[in-house]
Amino acid sequence: MNLFDLSGKSALVVGGAGDIGFAIAEGLAEAGATVIVLDIDPRVHELATSMKDKKLSAHALEANVQNRDEIKKSITAAENIFQGSINILVNSAGIQRRNSSEFFLEKDWDDVLEINLTATFLYSQQVAQKMLQNSYGKIINISSIMGNFGGITIPAYAASKGGVTQLTKALSNDWAKKGICVNAIAPGYINTRLNTKLISDPNRSAEVLLRTPLNRWGTPQDLKGAAIFLASKASDFITGTVINVDGGYSAR
């Protein structure tokens, strides 16, 4: 079990107030890491408190990942809280906008790409600068199976997650020899607030279940194991990989 022990590690979870981000933050803390839950949503303070109530080591930071100055300041703030370097970075910040492609708004496109893809790059780049000095780091990006599928009415989201998948491979190629493992988790259809409209559509929800061999929607807790694995010693020879957590959807 020592392979999965994260005691003594510091983890920054960007987008930690989201359903998936918080589940991952909680999972890393349960494995022994000290975790910072970062998000624009002030709920981060409540969520960090809920983790502390479970005797987990957690802190909260508010930051707008669309503001590049705030990204830099939040990284410095995280290092101050940890009183040292960030060992584990999880890029989980993400939004969804839906519309048929011919009507998709430019602002929605810009917002989705900035939060889902550009912020992932900037956090990775800036945190890696310290990781490289220590010749150690684990970066986990949250992509999506929509990085491989086109989806329906989600052109910006599909493009952004395809970008996250390829960015993961590019960063891995640049940093693997320097001690940083960069991998991604690609969730399938997960029961989160981002998917409320999809879940409430009986036809689309039935289509999802029909193609999912495990015959259920995933839960945010289903992401915990993959995240702990990629953050731990157990994955030290794994980099540039995308792990689908999708109930078998991609295999159909």
C-alpha atoms as a PDB file:
ATOM      1  CA  MET A   1       0.000   0.000   0.000  1.00  0.00           C
ATOM      2  CA  ASN A   2       3.008   2.313   0.375  1.00  0.00           C
ATOM      3  CA  LEU A   3       2.932   2.665  -3.415  1.00  0.00           C
ATOM      4  CA  PHE A   4      -0.198   4.787  -3.065  1.00  0.00           C
ATOM      5  CA  ASP A   5       0.807   6.712   0.078  1.00  0.00           C
ATOM      6  CA  LEU A   6       0.887  10.480  -0.508  1.00  0.00           C
ATOM      7  CA  SER A   7       1.997  11.447   2.987  1.00  0.00           C
ATOM      8  CA  GLY A   8       4.277  14.464   2.915  1.00  0.00           C
ATOM      9  CA  LYS A   9       3.153  15.495  -0.577  1.00  0.00           C
ATOM     10  CA  SER A  10       1.585  18.847  -1.428  1.00  0.00           C
ATOM     11  CA  ALA A  11      -1.205  18.940  -4.010  1.00  0.00           C
ATOM     12  CA  LEU A  12      -2.815  21.938  -5.720  1.00  0.00           C
ATOM     13  CA  VAL A  13      -6.210  21.119  -7.241  1.00  0.00           C
ATOM     14  CA  VAL A  14      -7.289  23.826  -9.675  1.00  0.00           C
ATOM     15  CA  GLY A  15     -11.050  23.843 -10.127  1.00  0.00           C
ATOM     16  CA  GLY A  16     -11.427  22.180  -6.758  1.00  0.00           C
ATOM     17  CA  ALA A  17     -14.966  23.457  -6.146  1.00  0.00           C
ATOM     18  CA  GLY A  18     -16.246  21.491  -9.125  1.00  0.00           C
ATOM     19  CA  ASP A  19     -17.752  18.074  -8.505  1.00  0.00           C
ATOM     20  CA  ILE A  20     -14.847  16.170 -10.056  1.00  0.00           C
ATOM     21  CA  GLY A  21     -12.184  18.524  -8.718  1.00  0.00           C
ATOM     22  CA  PHE A  22     -13.426  18.268  -5.148  1.00  0.00           C
ATOM     23  CA  ALA A  23     -13.695  14.468  -5.283  1.00  0.00           C
ATOM     24  CA  ILE A  24     -10.082  14.301  -6.479  1.00  0.00           C
ATOM     25  CA  ALA A  25      -8.935  16.780  -3.827  1.00  0.00           C
ATOM     26  CA  GLU A  26     -10.628  14.698  -1.153  1.00  0.00           C
ATOM     27  CA  GLY A  27      -9.129  11.491  -2.524  1.00  0.00           C
ATOM     28  CA  LEU A  28      -5.578  12.900  -2.533  1.00  0.00           C
ATOM     29  CA  ALA A  29      -6.040  14.115   1.037  1.00  0.00           C
ATOM     30  CA  GLU A  30      -7.393  10.715   2.086  1.00  0.00           C
ATOM     31  CA  ALA A  31      -4.175   9.213   0.676  1.00  0.00           C
ATOM     32  CA  GLY A  32      -2.154  11.520   2.930  1.00  0.00           C
ATOM     33  CA  ALA A  33      -1.435  14.634   0.871  1.00  0.00           C
ATOM     34  CA  THR A  34      -1.849  18.197   2.047  1.00  0.00           C
ATOM     35  CA  VAL A  35      -4.280  19.698  -0.453  1.00  0.00           C
ATOM     36  CA  ILE A  36      -5.195  23.201  -1.581  1.00  0.00           C
ATOM     37  CA  VAL A  37      -8.648  23.495  -3.129  1.00  0.00           C
ATOM     38  CA  LEU A  38      -8.513  26.387  -5.616  1.00  0.00           C
ATOM     39  CA  ASP A  39     -11.476  27.865  -7.469  1.00  0.00           C
ATOM     40  CA  ILE A  40     -13.236  31.119  -8.322  1.00  0.00           C
ATOM     41  CA  ASP A  41     -16.218  29.777  -6.374  1.00  0.00           C
ATOM     42  CA  PRO A  42     -16.057  30.940  -2.720  1.00  0.00           C
ATOM     43  CA  ARG A  43     -17.430  27.508  -1.779  1.00  0.00           C
ATOM     44  CA  VAL A  44     -13.782  26.433  -1.628  1.00  0.00           C
ATOM     45  CA  HIS A  45     -13.665  27.621   1.969  1.00  0.00           C
ATOM     46  CA  GLU A  46     -16.674  25.542   2.932  1.00  0.00           C
ATOM     47  CA  LEU A  47     -15.294  22.532   1.074  1.00  0.00           C
ATOM     48  CA  ALA A  48     -11.873  22.802   2.687  1.00  0.00           C
ATOM     49  CA  THR A  49     -13.561  23.045   6.088  1.00  0.00           C
ATOM     50  CA  SER A  50     -15.576  19.895   5.331  1.00  0.00           C
ATOM     51  CA  MET A  51     -12.307  18.086   4.631  1.00  0.00           C
ATOM     52  CA  LYS A  52     -10.737  19.360   7.834  1.00  0.00           C
ATOM     53  CA  ASP A  53     -13.777  18.071   9.704  1.00  0.00           C
ATOM     54  CA  LYS A  54     -12.771  14.620   8.419  1.00  0.00           C
ATOM     55  CA  LYS A  55      -9.253  15.154   9.830  1.00  0.00           C
ATOM     56  CA  LEU A  56      -7.825  15.741   6.358  1.00  0.00           C
ATOM     57  CA  SER A  57      -5.157  18.369   5.623  1.00  0.00           C
ATOM     58  CA  ALA A  58      -6.808  20.967   3.404  1.00  0.00           C
ATOM     59  CA  HIS A  59      -6.674  24.666   2.580  1.00  0.00           C
ATOM     60  CA  ALA A  60      -8.680  26.967   0.303  1.00  0.00           C
ATOM     61  CA  LEU A  61      -7.684  29.564  -2.281  1.00  0.00           C
ATOM     62  CA  GLU A  62      -9.912  31.742  -4.440  1.00  0.00           C
ATOM     63  CA  ALA A  63      -8.646  32.623  -7.927  1.00  0.00           C
ATOM     64  CA  ASN A  64     -10.077  33.423 -11.334  1.00  0.00           C
ATOM     65  CA  VAL A  65      -8.220  31.177 -13.774  1.00  0.00           C
ATOM     66  CA  GLN A  66      -9.264  33.442 -16.666  1.00  0.00           C
ATOM     67  CA  ASN A  67      -7.076  36.149 -15.138  1.00  0.00           C
ATOM     68  CA  ARG A  68      -3.451  35.400 -15.890  1.00  0.00           C
ATOM     69  CA  ASP A  69      -2.137  37.636 -13.125  1.00  0.00           C
ATOM     70  CA  GLU A  70      -4.322  35.764 -10.644  1.00  0.00           C
ATOM     71  CA  ILE A  71      -2.876  32.469 -11.875  1.00  0.00           C
ATOM     72  CA  LYS A  72       0.636  33.640 -10.999  1.00  0.00           C
ATOM     73  CA  LYS A  73      -0.453  35.057  -7.648  1.00  0.00           C
ATOM     74  CA  SER A  74      -2.365  31.883  -6.744  1.00  0.00           C
ATOM     75  CA  ILE A  75       0.698  29.724  -7.380  1.00  0.00           C
ATOM     76  CA  THR A  76       2.813  31.950  -5.125  1.00  0.00           C
ATOM     77  CA  ALA A  77       0.069  31.845  -2.483  1.00  0.00           C
ATOM     78  CA  ALA A  78      -0.055  28.041  -2.681  1.00  0.00           C
ATOM     79  CA  GLU A  79       3.708  27.773  -2.245  1.00  0.00           C
ATOM     80  CA  ASN A  80       3.468  30.030   0.795  1.00  0.00           C
ATOM     81  CA  ILE A  81       0.754  27.850   2.323  1.00  0.00           C
ATOM     82  CA  PHE A  82       2.808  24.711   1.668  1.00  0.00           C
ATOM     83  CA  GLN A  83       5.985  26.484   2.824  1.00  0.00           C
ATOM     84  CA  GLY A  84       7.643  24.898  -0.167  1.00  0.00           C
ATOM     85  CA  SER A  85       7.064  23.494  -3.602  1.00  0.00           C
ATOM     86  CA  ILE A  86       3.944  22.001  -5.150  1.00  0.00           C
ATOM     87  CA  ASN A  87       4.535  18.267  -5.700  1.00  0.00           C
ATOM     88  CA  ILE A  88       1.211  17.420  -7.368  1.00  0.00           C
ATOM     89  CA  LEU A  89      -0.831  19.624  -9.696  1.00  0.00           C
ATOM     90  CA  VAL A  90      -4.344  18.706 -10.806  1.00  0.00           C
ATOM     91  CA  ASN A  91      -5.849  20.831 -13.577  1.00  0.00           C
ATOM     92  CA  SER A  92      -9.586  20.306 -13.171  1.00  0.00           C
ATOM     93  CA  ALA A  93     -11.022  23.760 -13.921  1.00  0.00           C
ATOM     94  CA  GLY A  94     -13.621  23.471 -16.649  1.00  0.00           C
ATOM     95  CA  ILE A  95     -16.847  24.914 -17.981  1.00  0.00           C
ATOM     96  CA  GLN A  96     -19.389  23.787 -20.553  1.00  0.00           C
ATOM     97  CA  ARG A  97     -21.385  25.799 -23.073  1.00  0.00           C
ATOM     98  CA  ARG A  98     -23.945  24.190 -25.381  1.00  0.00           C
ATOM     99  CA  ASN A  99     -25.309  25.388 -28.701  1.00  0.00           C
ATOM    100  CA  SER A 100     -25.486  24.158 -32.250  1.00  0.00           C
ATOM    101  CA  SER A 101     -22.188  24.955 -33.960  1.00  0.00           C
ATOM    102  CA  GLU A 102     -23.708  27.426 -36.447  1.00  0.00           C
ATOM    103  CA  PHE A 103     -25.053  29.506 -33.555  1.00  0.00           C
ATOM    104  CA  PHE A 104     -22.217  29.030 -31.070  1.00  0.00           C
ATOM    105  CA  LEU A 105     -21.238  32.375 -29.535  1.00  0.00           C
ATOM    106  CA  GLU A 106     -17.706  33.691 -29.886  1.00  0.00           C
ATOM    107  CA  LYS A 107     -17.640  34.662 -26.213  1.00  0.00           C
ATOM    108  CA  ASP A 108     -18.637  31.141 -25.198  1.00  0.00           C
ATOM    109  CA  TRP A 109     -15.865  29.771 -27.391  1.00  0.00           C
ATOM    110  CA  ASP A 110     -13.309  32.136 -25.844  1.00  0.00           C
ATOM    111  CA  ASP A 111     -14.419  31.413 -22.274  1.00  0.00           C
ATOM    112  CA  VAL A 112     -14.333  27.629 -22.702  1.00  0.00           C
ATOM    113  CA  LEU A 113     -10.910  27.599 -24.364  1.00  0.00           C
ATOM    114  CA  GLU A 114      -9.439  30.025 -21.826  1.00  0.00           C
ATOM    115  CA  ILE A 115     -10.592  28.073 -18.780  1.00  0.00           C
ATOM    116  CA  ASN A 116     -10.393  24.494 -20.052  1.00  0.00           C
ATOM    117  CA  LEU A 117      -7.183  24.681 -22.088  1.00  0.00           C
ATOM    118  CA  THR A 118      -5.191  27.868 -21.615  1.00  0.00           C
ATOM    119  CA  ALA A 119      -5.387  27.804 -17.810  1.00  0.00           C
ATOM    120  CA  THR A 120      -4.297  24.164 -17.881  1.00  0.00           C
ATOM    121  CA  PHE A 121      -1.210  25.152 -19.862  1.00  0.00           C
ATOM    122  CA  LEU A 122      -0.360  28.181 -17.726  1.00  0.00           C
ATOM    123  CA  TYR A 123      -0.695  26.364 -14.401  1.00  0.00           C
ATOM    124  CA  SER A 124       1.346  23.457 -15.764  1.00  0.00           C
ATOM    125  CA  GLN A 125       4.049  25.722 -17.149  1.00  0.00           C
ATOM    126  CA  GLN A 126       4.429  27.871 -14.068  1.00  0.00           C
ATOM    127  CA  VAL A 127       4.215  25.095 -11.481  1.00  0.00           C
ATOM    128  CA  ALA A 128       6.622  22.971 -13.525  1.00  0.00           C
ATOM    129  CA  GLN A 129       9.315  25.644 -13.270  1.00  0.00           C
ATOM    130  CA  LYS A 130       9.702  24.798  -9.582  1.00  0.00           C
ATOM    131  CA  MET A 131       9.126  21.072 -10.120  1.00  0.00           C
ATOM    132  CA  LEU A 132      12.007  21.076 -12.609  1.00  0.00           C
ATOM    133  CA  GLN A 133      14.322  22.547  -9.981  1.00  0.00           C
ATOM    134  CA  ASN A 134      13.480  19.586  -7.735  1.00  0.00           C
ATOM    135  CA  SER A 135      13.545  17.024 -10.576  1.00  0.00           C
ATOM    136  CA  TYR A 136      10.170  15.767  -9.370  1.00  0.00           C
ATOM    137  CA  GLY A 137       6.517  16.401  -9.993  1.00  0.00           C
ATOM    138  CA  LYS A 138       3.184  14.863 -10.930  1.00  0.00           C
ATOM    139  CA  ILE A 139       0.802  16.787 -13.170  1.00  0.00           C
ATOM    140  CA  ILE A 140      -2.688  15.387 -13.763  1.00  0.00           C
ATOM    141  CA  ASN A 141      -4.890  17.068 -16.353  1.00  0.00           C
ATOM    142  CA  ILE A 142      -8.606  16.430 -16.539  1.00  0.00           C
ATOM    143  CA  SER A 143      -9.480  15.848 -20.167  1.00  0.00           C
ATOM    144  CA  SER A 144     -12.636  14.063 -21.331  1.00  0.00           C
ATOM    145  CA  ILE A 145     -13.623  11.272 -23.665  1.00  0.00           C
ATOM    146  CA  MET A 146     -14.981  14.184 -25.715  1.00  0.00           C
ATOM    147  CA  GLY A 147     -11.337  14.877 -26.510  1.00  0.00           C
ATOM    148  CA  ASN A 148     -11.713  11.929 -28.895  1.00  0.00           C
ATOM    149  CA  PHE A 149     -15.404  12.230 -29.773  1.00  0.00           C
ATOM    150  CA  GLY A 150     -17.040  15.284 -31.288  1.00  0.00           C
ATOM    151  CA  GLY A 151     -20.108  15.237 -29.081  1.00  0.00           C
ATOM    152  CA  ILE A 152     -23.297  17.132 -29.905  1.00  0.00           C
ATOM    153  CA  THR A 153     -23.627  20.941 -29.571  1.00  0.00           C
ATOM    154  CA  ILE A 154     -20.297  21.209 -27.701  1.00  0.00           C
ATOM    155  CA  PRO A 155     -17.742  22.401 -30.302  1.00  0.00           C
ATOM    156  CA  ALA A 156     -15.710  24.467 -27.837  1.00  0.00           C
ATOM    157  CA  TYR A 157     -15.701  21.807 -25.124  1.00  0.00           C
ATOM    158  CA  ALA A 158     -14.684  19.031 -27.546  1.00  0.00           C
ATOM    159  CA  ALA A 159     -11.934  21.217 -28.991  1.00  0.00           C
ATOM    160  CA  SER A 160     -10.663  22.226 -25.561  1.00  0.00           C
ATOM    161  CA  LYS A 161     -10.528  18.668 -24.257  1.00  0.00           C
ATOM    162  CA  GLY A 162      -8.857  17.428 -27.431  1.00  0.00           C
ATOM    163  CA  GLY A 163      -6.326  20.170 -26.765  1.00  0.00           C
ATOM    164  CA  VAL A 164      -5.847  19.040 -23.162  1.00  0.00           C
ATOM    165  CA  THR A 165      -5.170  15.496 -24.352  1.00  0.00           C
ATOM    166  CA  GLN A 166      -2.525  16.632 -26.841  1.00  0.00           C
ATOM    167  CA  LEU A 167      -1.070  19.169 -24.396  1.00  0.00           C
ATOM    168  CA  THR A 168      -0.616  16.358 -21.882  1.00  0.00           C
ATOM    169  CA  LYS A 169       1.479  14.416 -24.391  1.00  0.00           C
ATOM    170  CA  ALA A 170       3.499  17.468 -25.436  1.00  0.00           C
ATOM    171  CA  LEU A 171       4.348  18.446 -21.850  1.00  0.00           C
ATOM    172  CA  SER A 172       5.234  14.847 -21.048  1.00  0.00           C
ATOM    173  CA  ASN A 173       7.658  14.738 -23.958  1.00  0.00           C
ATOM    174  CA  ASP A 174       9.352  17.928 -22.769  1.00  0.00           C
ATOM    175  CA  TRP A 175       9.583  17.087 -19.068  1.00  0.00           C
ATOM    176  CA  ALA A 176       9.746  13.301 -18.639  1.00  0.00           C
ATOM    177  CA  LYS A 177      13.566  13.204 -18.607  1.00  0.00           C
ATOM    178  CA  LYS A 178      13.540  16.037 -16.100  1.00  0.00           C
ATOM    179  CA  GLY A 179      11.532  14.220 -13.443  1.00  0.00           C
ATOM    180  CA  ILE A 180       7.958  15.311 -14.135  1.00  0.00           C
ATOM    181  CA  CYS A 181       5.248  12.827 -15.078  1.00  0.00           C
ATOM    182  CA  VAL A 182       2.351  14.420 -16.966  1.00  0.00           C
ATOM    183  CA  ASN A 183      -0.793  12.356 -17.465  1.00  0.00           C
ATOM    184  CA  ALA A 184      -4.499  12.908 -17.938  1.00  0.00           C
ATOM    185  CA  ILE A 185      -7.763  11.415 -16.814  1.00  0.00           C
ATOM    186  CA  ALA A 186     -10.581  11.392 -19.362  1.00  0.00           C
ATOM    187  CA  PRO A 187     -13.929  11.066 -17.590  1.00  0.00           C
ATOM    188  CA  GLY A 188     -16.873   9.674 -19.466  1.00  0.00           C
ATOM    189  CA  TYR A 189     -20.446  10.613 -18.658  1.00  0.00           C
ATOM    190  CA  ILE A 190     -20.286  11.667 -15.018  1.00  0.00           C
ATOM    191  CA  ASN A 191     -23.218  12.845 -12.907  1.00  0.00           C
ATOM    192  CA  THR A 192     -22.075  16.415 -12.246  1.00  0.00           C
ATOM    193  CA  ARG A 193     -23.587  19.877 -12.399  1.00  0.00           C
ATOM    194  CA  LEU A 194     -22.063  20.332 -15.877  1.00  0.00           C
ATOM    195  CA  ASN A 195     -24.251  17.494 -17.158  1.00  0.00           C
ATOM    196  CA  THR A 196     -27.540  18.470 -15.512  1.00  0.00           C
ATOM    197  CA  LYS A 197     -29.284  19.256 -18.810  1.00  0.00           C
ATOM    198  CA  LEU A 198     -28.020  16.063 -20.421  1.00  0.00           C
ATOM    199  CA  ILE A 199     -29.105  13.901 -17.500  1.00  0.00           C
ATOM    200  CA  SER A 200     -32.559  15.481 -17.504  1.00  0.00           C
ATOM    201  CA  ASP A 201     -33.014  14.706 -21.222  1.00  0.00           C
ATOM    202  CA  PRO A 202     -34.543  11.193 -21.169  1.00  0.00           C
ATOM    203  CA  ASN A 203     -33.564  10.412 -24.770  1.00  0.00           C
ATOM    204  CA  ARG A 204     -29.922  11.481 -24.499  1.00  0.00           C
ATOM    205  CA  SER A 205     -29.532   9.893 -21.073  1.00  0.00           C
ATOM    206  CA  ALA A 206     -30.888   6.605 -22.437  1.00  0.00           C
ATOM    207  CA  GLU A 207     -28.404   6.785 -25.315  1.00  0.00           C
ATOM    208  CA  VAL A 208     -25.543   7.224 -22.866  1.00  0.00           C
ATOM    209  CA  LEU A 209     -26.584   4.243 -20.742  1.00  0.00           C
ATOM    210  CA  LEU A 210     -27.120   2.060 -23.809  1.00  0.00           C
ATOM    211  CA  ARG A 211     -23.507   2.563 -24.888  1.00  0.00           C
ATOM    212  CA  THR A 212     -21.999   2.325 -21.393  1.00  0.00           C
ATOM    213  CA  PRO A 213     -21.217  -1.337 -20.547  1.00  0.00           C
ATOM    214  CA  LEU A 214     -21.386  -0.678 -16.799  1.00  0.00           C
ATOM    215  CA  ASN A 215     -24.915   0.639 -17.448  1.00  0.00           C
ATOM    216  CA  ARG A 216     -24.795   3.674 -15.154  1.00  0.00           C
ATOM    217  CA  TRP A 217     -23.637   7.255 -15.033  1.00  0.00           C
ATOM    218  CA  GLY A 218     -20.309   7.697 -13.322  1.00  0.00           C
ATOM    219  CA  THR A 219     -19.928   9.614 -10.079  1.00  0.00           C
ATOM    220  CA  PRO A 220     -17.186  12.081  -9.135  1.00  0.00           C
ATOM    221  CA  GLN A 221     -15.947   9.520  -6.593  1.00  0.00           C
ATOM    222  CA  ASP A 222     -15.156   7.189  -9.488  1.00  0.00           C
ATOM    223  CA  LEU A 223     -12.262   9.530 -10.346  1.00  0.00           C
ATOM    224  CA  LYS A 224     -10.518   9.235  -6.986  1.00  0.00           C
ATOM    225  CA  GLY A 225      -8.637   5.995  -7.648  1.00  0.00           C
ATOM    226  CA  ALA A 226      -7.150   7.071 -10.965  1.00  0.00           C
ATOM    227  CA  ALA A 227      -6.033  10.391  -9.477  1.00  0.00           C
ATOM    228  CA  ILE A 228      -4.359   8.772  -6.465  1.00  0.00           C
ATOM    229  CA  PHE A 229      -2.640   6.305  -8.788  1.00  0.00           C
ATOM    230  CA  LEU A 230      -1.278   9.022 -11.092  1.00  0.00           C
ATOM    231  CA  ALA A 231      -0.148  11.139  -8.138  1.00  0.00           C
ATOM    232  CA  SER A 232       1.683   8.292  -6.394  1.00  0.00           C
ATOM    233  CA  LYS A 233       4.813   6.156  -6.741  1.00  0.00           C
ATOM    234  CA  ALA A 234       2.661   3.488  -8.343  1.00  0.00           C
ATOM    235  CA  SER A 235       2.705   5.444 -11.618  1.00  0.00           C
ATOM    236  CA  ASP A 236       6.376   6.494 -11.693  1.00  0.00           C
ATOM    237  CA  PHE A 237       6.924   4.814 -15.091  1.00  0.00           C
ATOM    238  CA  ILE A 238       3.734   6.219 -16.616  1.00  0.00           C
ATOM    239  CA  THR A 239       3.734   9.540 -18.454  1.00  0.00           C
ATOM    240  CA  GLY A 240       1.995  10.979 -21.485  1.00  0.00           C
ATOM    241  CA  THR A 241      -0.941   8.646 -20.886  1.00  0.00           C
ATOM    242  CA  VAL A 242      -4.666   9.335 -20.841  1.00  0.00           C
ATOM    243  CA  ILE A 243      -6.743   7.044 -18.604  1.00  0.00           C
ATOM    244  CA  ASN A 244     -10.395   6.761 -19.578  1.00  0.00           C
ATOM    245  CA  VAL A 245     -12.726   6.564 -16.595  1.00  0.00           C
ATOM    246  CA  ASP A 246     -15.910   6.029 -18.543  1.00  0.00           C
ATOM    247  CA  GLY A 247     -17.590   2.752 -17.571  1.00  0.00           C
ATOM    248  CA  GLY A 248     -16.389   1.193 -20.827  1.00  0.00           C
ATOM    249  CA  TYR A 249     -18.047   3.773 -23.094  1.00  0.00           C
ATOM    250  CA  SER A 250     -14.959   4.250 -25.282  1.00  0.00           C
ATOM    251  CA  ALA A 251     -14.602   0.515 -25.862  1.00  0.00           C
ATOM    252  CA  ARG A 252     -18.012   0.189 -27.547  1.00  0.00           C
END
